[in-house]
């Protein structure tokens, strides 16, 4: 289990970028530092406790992966690319 925000950020650095991002689909890369910050703050505020998280973006699923590492009851990715 990840206990520090920096550990989460380092784990998310291993997520490969989208191979062929399409700006028309708004497939932008979310840097690991931003994804870790969003996930960490949601956890710290209790916003995701015992909830399922769905990443409906068009990218790599970095938020779904991060939330699954954070101990959510479940997370999934619904990417379109």
Protein backbone atom coordinates (compact mmCIF):
# COMPACT_ATOMS: atom_id res chain seq x y z
CA UNK A 1 0.00 0.00 0.00
CA UNK A 2 1.22 3.47 -0.87
CA UNK A 3 1.60 5.65 2.21
CA UNK A 4 3.24 8.78 0.77
CA UNK A 5 2.19 11.04 -2.07
CA UNK A 6 5.68 10.83 -3.56
CA UNK A 7 5.40 7.03 -3.71
CA UNK A 8 2.13 7.38 -5.62
CA UNK A 9 3.72 9.87 -8.01
CA UNK A 10 6.67 7.55 -8.60
CA UNK A 11 4.35 4.60 -9.25
CA UNK A 12 2.37 6.66 -11.78
CA UNK A 13 5.54 7.68 -13.62
CA UNK A 14 5.59 4.16 -15.04
CA UNK A 15 2.34 4.70 -16.96
CA UNK A 16 3.36 5.07 -20.61
CA UNK A 17 2.09 8.11 -22.49
CA UNK A 18 -0.61 7.76 -25.14
CA UNK A 19 1.11 6.46 -28.30
CA UNK A 20 -0.81 8.68 -30.75
CA UNK A 21 -2.74 11.41 -28.91
CA UNK A 22 -5.47 13.11 -30.90
CA UNK A 23 -6.13 16.72 -29.85
CA UNK A 24 -9.61 16.47 -31.40
CA UNK A 25 -10.42 13.82 -28.77
CA UNK A 26 -8.69 15.91 -26.10
CA UNK A 27 -6.17 13.14 -25.45
CA UNK A 28 -3.73 15.09 -23.34
CA UNK A 29 -1.13 13.52 -21.12
CA UNK A 30 -1.78 14.00 -17.40
CA UNK A 31 1.61 14.29 -15.68
CA UNK A 32 2.13 11.91 -12.77
CA UNK A 33 2.65 14.81 -10.34
CA UNK A 34 -0.81 16.22 -11.16
CA UNK A 35 -2.52 12.82 -11.09
CA UNK A 36 -0.90 12.01 -7.73
CA UNK A 37 -1.99 15.38 -6.32
CA UNK A 38 -5.63 14.89 -7.41
CA UNK A 39 -5.74 11.34 -6.05
CA UNK A 40 -3.97 12.20 -2.80
CA UNK A 41 -6.22 15.18 -2.08
CA UNK A 42 -9.39 13.22 -2.87
CA UNK A 43 -8.26 10.54 -0.45
CA UNK A 44 -7.24 13.06 2.24
CA UNK A 45 -10.63 14.81 2.05
CA UNK A 46 -12.49 11.50 2.29
CA UNK A 47 -14.10 12.10 -1.10
CA UNK A 48 -13.46 8.56 -2.37
CA UNK A 49 -13.76 6.43 0.73
CA UNK A 50 -15.71 3.23 -0.04
CA UNK A 51 -16.63 4.51 -3.50
CA UNK A 52 -15.98 3.23 -6.99
CA UNK A 53 -14.06 5.55 -9.28
CA UNK A 54 -14.45 5.60 -13.06
CA UNK A 55 -11.92 7.35 -15.29
CA UNK A 56 -13.92 8.34 -18.38
CA UNK A 57 -11.11 10.22 -20.06
CA UNK A 58 -9.56 9.51 -23.46
CA UNK A 59 -6.04 8.95 -22.29
CA UNK A 60 -3.97 6.30 -20.58
CA UNK A 61 -6.16 5.65 -17.53
CA UNK A 62 -3.60 7.13 -15.16
CA UNK A 63 -6.28 8.31 -12.72
CA UNK A 64 -7.98 4.88 -12.64
CA UNK A 65 -4.62 3.24 -11.99
CA UNK A 66 -3.79 5.74 -9.29
CA UNK A 67 -7.13 5.39 -7.54
CA UNK A 68 -6.81 1.59 -7.62
CA UNK A 69 -3.42 1.95 -5.91
CA UNK A 70 -5.01 4.26 -3.36
CA UNK A 71 -7.33 1.59 -2.00
CA UNK A 72 -10.66 2.54 -3.59
CA UNK A 73 -13.21 -0.21 -3.56
CA UNK A 74 -12.89 -0.28 -7.34
CA UNK A 75 -11.82 1.75 -10.32
CA UNK A 76 -12.19 1.31 -14.04
CA UNK A 77 -11.12 2.99 -17.23
CA UNK A 78 -13.48 3.96 -20.01
CA UNK A 79 -11.04 5.43 -22.49
CA UNK A 80 -11.94 6.15 -26.09
CA UNK A 81 -8.51 5.87 -27.66
